[in-house]
Amino acid sequence: MFVPEVCQAIVDEYKVEAISCPTTQREWRDIDEEFQRKWNVPHACGALDGKHIAIRCPSNTGSLFHNYKGFFSVVLLALVDADYKFLWIDIGGCGSMSDAQIYNNSELKECLEEETIGFPDPDPMPNDDKNVPYFILGDDAFGLRTYLMKPYSQRGLTDEQLITNYRISRGRRVVKNAFGILAQRWQLLLTTMMQQPNVVRNIVECCVCLHNVMRLRYPTQQNAKLDMENDQHDLIPGLWRATANMCELNMVIGPNRDTVAAKKQREYLRLYFNSQAGSVPWQNCMISA
């Protein structure tokens, strides 16, 4: 069986070129500028999410790989840029773990917590004068931090909060699209893979490398399959949603409390997104349906 050897050779050849998490302020600013230009989310430096990759139950592992959806899996946790490229991945998680658990044990969180990831210093968002930290976009599985913004989760939201959720979720859409295009291109990710977990992880890493190489060298290929927006900015679901929708990892295990500073920062985003400085013309229409 040559699959592991071939996949490892591809990873060895392309990983440095293809999966390169920024380390300097200039590199992060380039990503932030793309999020601003394409998705109108200033200071965003990536979108974070996790997906299950189904596998055959490994022998002598008990419930380690058994997930809350009822099948066995390994987990791909990824940070994605505004152009659907994977900036950072972690494929070490077992199906029984939540994405928050995997993230909490990751090098990414450590670098964010210790401020060694190279984010630009806090500065004002466009048309504003208050310094705001740079951040990644997550969902409710993660704790709200000044470096990780997520939508409001409680019911009975005000219109301003709903608009904030729309603006953040619009930026987060890139990670769902990246997973969808990855799986549509490499459809074995939609099957139950029969290899051992370490081999599956090797295959997944290979697929991510090749996905990024394709995005770098042929950026418009498969763009027709991505989510699009019409002239009114209504979502037109991409073709990947019909054929390549991997299982999301949305289980939350254990306390993952939001910090006070992060809540204040999200409140400032709420004010900014609903102000003349930070609003977009169509946002009110997105919450009126």
Protein backbone atom coordinates (compact mmCIF):
# COMPACT_ATOMS: atom_id res chain seq x y z
CA MET A 1 0.00 0.00 0.00
CA PHE A 2 1.63 3.21 -1.22
CA VAL A 3 -1.01 5.74 -0.15
CA PRO A 4 0.74 6.86 3.08
CA GLU A 5 4.10 7.18 1.33
CA VAL A 6 2.68 9.15 -1.60
CA CYS A 7 0.69 11.46 0.68
CA GLN A 8 3.71 12.07 2.89
CA ALA A 9 5.84 12.86 -0.17
CA ILE A 10 3.26 15.42 -1.32
CA VAL A 11 3.12 17.00 2.14
CA ASP A 12 6.92 17.14 2.34
CA GLU A 13 7.09 18.80 -1.08
CA TYR A 14 4.29 21.34 -0.77
CA LYS A 15 3.47 22.02 2.89
CA VAL A 16 5.95 24.88 3.37
CA GLU A 17 4.62 26.60 0.25
CA ALA A 18 0.96 25.74 0.68
CA ILE A 19 0.10 25.91 4.40
CA SER A 20 1.90 28.91 5.78
CA CYS A 21 0.46 30.64 8.83
CA PRO A 22 1.54 34.30 8.89
CA THR A 23 4.06 35.35 11.49
CA THR A 24 4.53 39.06 10.79
CA GLN A 25 2.29 42.08 11.13
CA ARG A 26 2.52 42.78 7.39
CA GLU A 27 1.33 39.26 6.51
CA TRP A 28 -1.61 39.50 8.91
CA ARG A 29 -2.49 42.94 7.55
CA ASP A 30 -2.66 41.47 4.05
CA ILE A 31 -5.24 38.96 5.30
CA ASP A 32 -7.13 41.66 7.20
CA GLU A 33 -7.27 43.80 4.04
CA GLU A 34 -8.78 40.90 2.09
CA PHE A 35 -11.45 40.39 4.76
CA GLN A 36 -12.23 44.10 4.63
CA ARG A 37 -12.36 44.20 0.83
CA LYS A 38 -14.35 41.01 0.27
CA TRP A 39 -16.44 40.62 3.43
CA ASN A 40 -16.49 44.06 5.10
CA VAL A 41 -15.07 42.75 8.39
CA PRO A 42 -12.12 44.94 9.42
CA HIS A 43 -9.40 43.52 11.69
CA ALA A 44 -10.41 39.90 10.88
CA CYS A 45 -7.38 37.64 10.44
CA GLY A 46 -9.08 34.32 9.64
CA ALA A 47 -12.13 32.17 10.31
CA LEU A 48 -11.93 29.09 12.57
CA ASP A 49 -14.06 25.94 12.45
CA GLY A 50 -13.87 22.15 12.75
CA LYS A 51 -15.17 19.21 10.70
CA HIS A 52 -15.47 15.48 11.27
CA ILE A 53 -13.76 13.03 8.89
CA ALA A 54 -15.55 9.67 9.18
CA ILE A 55 -13.37 6.61 9.77
CA ARG A 56 -13.83 2.93 10.50
CA CYS A 57 -13.73 2.20 14.22
CA PRO A 58 -10.07 1.61 15.16
CA SER A 59 -9.51 -1.52 17.19
CA ASN A 60 -9.02 -1.26 20.94
CA THR A 61 -9.92 2.43 21.14
CA GLY A 62 -13.27 2.22 22.92
CA SER A 63 -15.26 5.43 22.48
CA LEU A 64 -12.22 7.63 21.81
CA PHE A 65 -13.13 8.23 18.16
CA HIS A 66 -16.92 8.00 18.60
CA ASN A 67 -18.54 11.42 18.14
CA TYR A 68 -21.83 12.89 19.29
CA LYS A 69 -23.30 12.37 15.80
CA GLY A 70 -23.02 8.62 16.31
CA PHE A 71 -20.11 7.67 14.05
CA PHE A 72 -16.33 7.38 14.37
CA SER A 73 -14.14 10.22 13.19
CA VAL A 74 -11.01 12.30 13.38
CA VAL A 75 -11.34 16.07 13.46
CA LEU A 76 -9.95 18.68 11.10
CA LEU A 77 -9.75 22.05 12.86
CA ALA A 78 -8.72 24.87 10.54
CA LEU A 79 -8.12 28.60 10.26
CA VAL A 80 -8.99 29.91 6.80
CA ASP A 81 -8.26 33.23 5.06
CA ALA A 82 -10.64 35.42 3.04
CA ASP A 83 -9.80 33.54 -0.17
CA TYR A 84 -10.66 30.03 1.13
CA LYS A 85 -7.05 29.01 1.76
CA PHE A 86 -6.09 27.08 4.90
CA LEU A 87 -3.68 29.09 7.05
CA TRP A 88 -3.37 26.58 9.88
CA ILE A 89 -4.73 23.09 10.52
CA ASP A 90 -4.88 20.60 13.38
CA ILE A 91 -5.83 17.01 12.52
CA GLY A 92 -4.90 15.54 15.87
CA GLY A 93 -8.37 15.52 17.38
CA CYS A 94 -10.43 12.37 17.98
CA GLY A 95 -14.16 12.28 17.30
CA SER A 96 -15.12 12.36 20.98
CA MET A 97 -13.46 15.79 21.38
CA SER A 98 -15.17 19.11 20.71
CA ASP A 99 -13.48 21.68 18.51
CA ALA A 100 -13.09 23.88 21.61
CA GLN A 101 -11.19 21.08 23.37
CA ILE A 102 -8.91 20.64 20.37
CA TYR A 103 -8.42 24.37 20.01
CA ASN A 104 -7.72 24.83 23.73
CA ASN A 105 -4.85 22.33 23.45
CA SER A 106 -3.49 23.79 20.21
CA GLU A 107 -0.43 25.82 19.36
CA LEU A 108 -2.73 28.37 17.73
CA LYS A 109 -4.46 29.20 21.01
CA GLU A 110 -1.15 29.30 22.85
CA CYS A 111 0.24 31.82 20.37
CA LEU A 112 -2.92 33.92 20.52
CA GLU A 113 -2.96 33.89 24.32
CA GLU A 114 0.72 34.76 24.59
CA GLU A 115 0.50 37.37 21.81
CA THR A 116 3.32 35.71 19.90
CA ILE A 117 1.36 35.10 16.71
CA GLY A 118 2.44 38.40 15.17
CA PHE A 119 -0.91 40.18 14.96
CA PRO A 120 -0.64 43.92 14.27
CA ASP A 121 -0.86 46.21 17.27
CA PRO A 122 -4.41 47.43 18.00
CA ASP A 123 -5.36 50.37 15.82
CA PRO A 124 -8.55 52.07 14.58
CA MET A 125 -10.92 50.43 12.13
CA PRO A 126 -11.75 52.34 8.92
CA ASN A 127 -13.33 55.77 9.51
CA ASP A 128 -12.87 55.43 13.28
CA ASP A 129 -10.45 56.63 15.97
CA LYS A 130 -10.54 53.93 18.70
CA ASN A 131 -7.82 51.28 18.84
CA VAL A 132 -9.27 47.77 18.44
CA PRO A 133 -7.35 44.46 18.61
CA TYR A 134 -7.12 42.19 15.59
CA PHE A 135 -9.02 38.91 15.87
CA ILE A 136 -10.12 35.67 14.26
CA LEU A 137 -13.78 34.74 13.71
CA GLY A 138 -15.33 31.74 15.49
CA ASP A 139 -18.69 30.32 16.48
CA ASP A 140 -20.36 29.59 19.79
CA ALA A 141 -18.18 26.54 20.47
CA PHE A 142 -15.34 28.91 21.38
CA GLY A 143 -14.97 31.32 24.24
CA LEU A 144 -15.25 34.98 23.29
CA ARG A 145 -11.85 36.66 23.53
CA THR A 146 -10.44 39.95 22.33
CA TYR A 147 -8.58 37.90 19.71
CA LEU A 148 -11.63 35.71 18.88
CA MET A 149 -14.95 37.29 18.00
CA LYS A 150 -18.17 35.32 17.53
CA PRO A 151 -21.87 36.14 17.03
CA TYR A 152 -24.30 36.73 19.89
CA SER A 153 -25.92 33.47 20.94
CA GLN A 154 -28.85 34.41 23.18
CA ARG A 155 -32.43 34.75 21.98
CA GLY A 156 -34.41 37.97 21.75
CA LEU A 157 -31.62 39.92 20.05
CA THR A 158 -31.99 43.56 19.11
CA ASP A 159 -31.73 44.65 15.49
CA GLU A 160 -28.23 45.98 16.16
CA GLN A 161 -27.14 42.62 17.57
CA LEU A 162 -28.69 40.78 14.61
CA ILE A 163 -26.78 43.03 12.24
CA THR A 164 -23.59 42.31 14.17
CA ASN A 165 -24.27 38.59 13.86
CA TYR A 166 -24.84 38.98 10.13
CA ARG A 167 -21.59 40.87 9.64
CA ILE A 168 -19.52 38.37 11.64
CA SER A 169 -21.24 35.34 10.07
CA ARG A 170 -20.71 36.75 6.59
CA GLY A 171 -16.97 36.74 7.26
CA ARG A 172 -17.10 33.26 8.80
CA ARG A 173 -18.69 31.88 5.64
CA VAL A 174 -15.23 31.45 4.09
CA VAL A 175 -14.31 28.53 6.35
CA LYS A 176 -17.49 26.61 5.51
CA ASN A 177 -16.83 27.17 1.82
CA ALA A 178 -13.21 26.06 2.18
CA PHE A 179 -14.31 22.79 3.80
CA GLY A 180 -16.95 22.30 1.11
CA ILE A 181 -14.58 22.84 -1.81
CA LEU A 182 -11.96 20.63 -0.12
CA ALA A 183 -14.44 17.78 0.18
CA GLN A 184 -15.87 18.24 -3.30
CA ARG A 185 -12.42 18.11 -4.80
CA TRP A 186 -11.33 15.12 -2.68
CA GLN A 187 -14.56 13.20 -2.22
CA LEU A 188 -12.99 10.42 -0.19
CA LEU A 189 -13.40 12.91 2.69
CA LEU A 190 -17.15 12.34 2.40
CA THR A 191 -16.82 8.59 2.75
CA THR A 192 -16.00 6.44 5.75
CA MET A 193 -12.26 6.06 5.39
CA MET A 194 -10.98 2.56 6.13
CA GLN A 195 -7.39 3.41 7.04
CA GLN A 196 -5.99 3.77 10.55
CA PRO A 197 -6.30 7.23 12.13
CA ASN A 198 -2.67 8.22 11.55
CA VAL A 199 -2.97 7.33 7.86
CA VAL A 200 -6.27 9.23 7.61
CA ARG A 201 -4.61 12.30 9.12
CA ASN A 202 -1.81 12.01 6.60
CA ILE A 203 -4.31 11.81 3.73
CA VAL A 204 -6.27 14.82 5.03
CA GLU A 205 -3.12 16.91 5.37
CA CYS A 206 -2.20 15.96 1.81
CA CYS A 207 -5.65 17.02 0.57
CA VAL A 208 -5.34 20.38 2.33
CA CYS A 209 -1.90 20.97 0.81
CA LEU A 210 -3.19 20.24 -2.69
CA HIS A 211 -6.28 22.39 -2.10
CA ASN A 212 -4.08 25.36 -1.20
CA VAL A 213 -1.76 24.75 -4.13
CA MET A 214 -4.78 24.86 -6.42
CA ARG A 215 -6.05 28.07 -4.80
CA LEU A 216 -2.61 29.66 -5.18
CA ARG A 217 -1.96 28.57 -8.76
CA TYR A 218 -5.47 28.45 -10.19
CA PRO A 219 -7.48 30.83 -7.96
CA THR A 220 -10.61 30.99 -10.13
CA GLN A 221 -11.01 27.26 -10.60
CA GLN A 222 -14.15 25.96 -8.84
CA ASN A 223 -15.18 29.49 -7.82
CA ALA A 224 -18.53 28.79 -9.46
CA LYS A 225 -19.16 26.21 -6.75
CA LEU A 226 -18.64 28.69 -3.90
CA ASP A 227 -21.36 30.60 -2.09
CA MET A 228 -22.14 33.78 -4.00
CA GLU A 229 -24.16 36.94 -3.39
CA ASN A 230 -26.56 38.59 -5.83
CA ASP A 231 -26.78 42.36 -6.38
CA GLN A 232 -28.84 42.67 -3.18
CA HIS A 233 -26.24 40.61 -1.25
CA ASP A 234 -28.65 37.73 -0.68
CA LEU A 235 -26.83 34.43 -0.29
CA ILE A 236 -26.80 32.10 -3.30
CA PRO A 237 -25.67 28.73 -1.88
CA GLY A 238 -22.69 27.18 -3.65
CA LEU A 239 -22.96 23.83 -5.40
CA TRP A 240 -20.70 22.28 -2.76
CA ARG A 241 -23.55 22.47 -0.24
CA ALA A 242 -25.52 19.89 -2.22
CA THR A 243 -22.73 17.37 -2.64
CA ALA A 244 -19.91 18.04 -0.21
CA ASN A 245 -21.27 19.18 3.14
CA MET A 246 -19.06 17.57 5.78
CA CYS A 247 -20.42 17.19 9.29
CA GLU A 248 -19.87 20.29 11.40
CA LEU A 249 -18.31 20.08 14.83
CA ASN A 250 -20.57 22.16 17.03
CA MET A 251 -20.62 20.33 20.35
CA VAL A 252 -19.53 22.32 23.39
CA ILE A 253 -18.02 20.42 26.32
CA GLY A 254 -17.18 22.02 29.66
CA PRO A 255 -16.99 25.67 30.66
CA ASN A 256 -15.78 28.05 27.99
CA ARG A 257 -16.69 31.41 29.46
CA ASP A 258 -16.43 34.67 27.59
CA THR A 259 -14.16 37.33 29.05
CA VAL A 260 -15.39 40.74 30.12
CA ALA A 261 -12.91 42.51 27.85
CA ALA A 262 -14.08 40.45 24.87
CA LYS A 263 -17.73 41.24 25.59
CA LYS A 264 -16.89 44.94 25.64
CA GLN A 265 -15.04 44.57 22.35
CA ARG A 266 -17.99 42.84 20.70
CA GLU A 267 -20.23 45.61 21.99
CA TYR A 268 -17.91 48.10 20.32
CA LEU A 269 -18.16 46.11 17.08
CA ARG A 270 -21.95 46.31 17.45
CA LEU A 271 -21.75 50.09 17.69
CA TYR A 272 -19.29 50.26 14.80
CA PHE A 273 -21.26 47.98 12.45
CA ASN A 274 -24.38 50.05 13.13
CA SER A 275 -22.70 53.44 12.70
CA GLN A 276 -22.15 55.54 9.62
CA ALA A 277 -18.46 54.69 9.87
CA GLY A 278 -18.84 50.92 9.76
CA SER A 279 -22.23 50.01 8.29
CA VAL A 280 -22.87 48.61 4.81
CA PRO A 281 -25.93 49.78 2.83
CA TRP A 282 -27.70 46.43 2.63
CA GLN A 283 -27.33 45.14 6.20
CA ASN A 284 -30.80 46.16 7.44
CA CYS A 285 -32.37 44.11 4.65
CA MET A 286 -30.58 41.01 5.91
CA ILE A 287 -32.46 41.00 9.22
CA SER A 288 -35.88 42.12 7.99
CA ALA A 289 -36.93 38.77 6.50
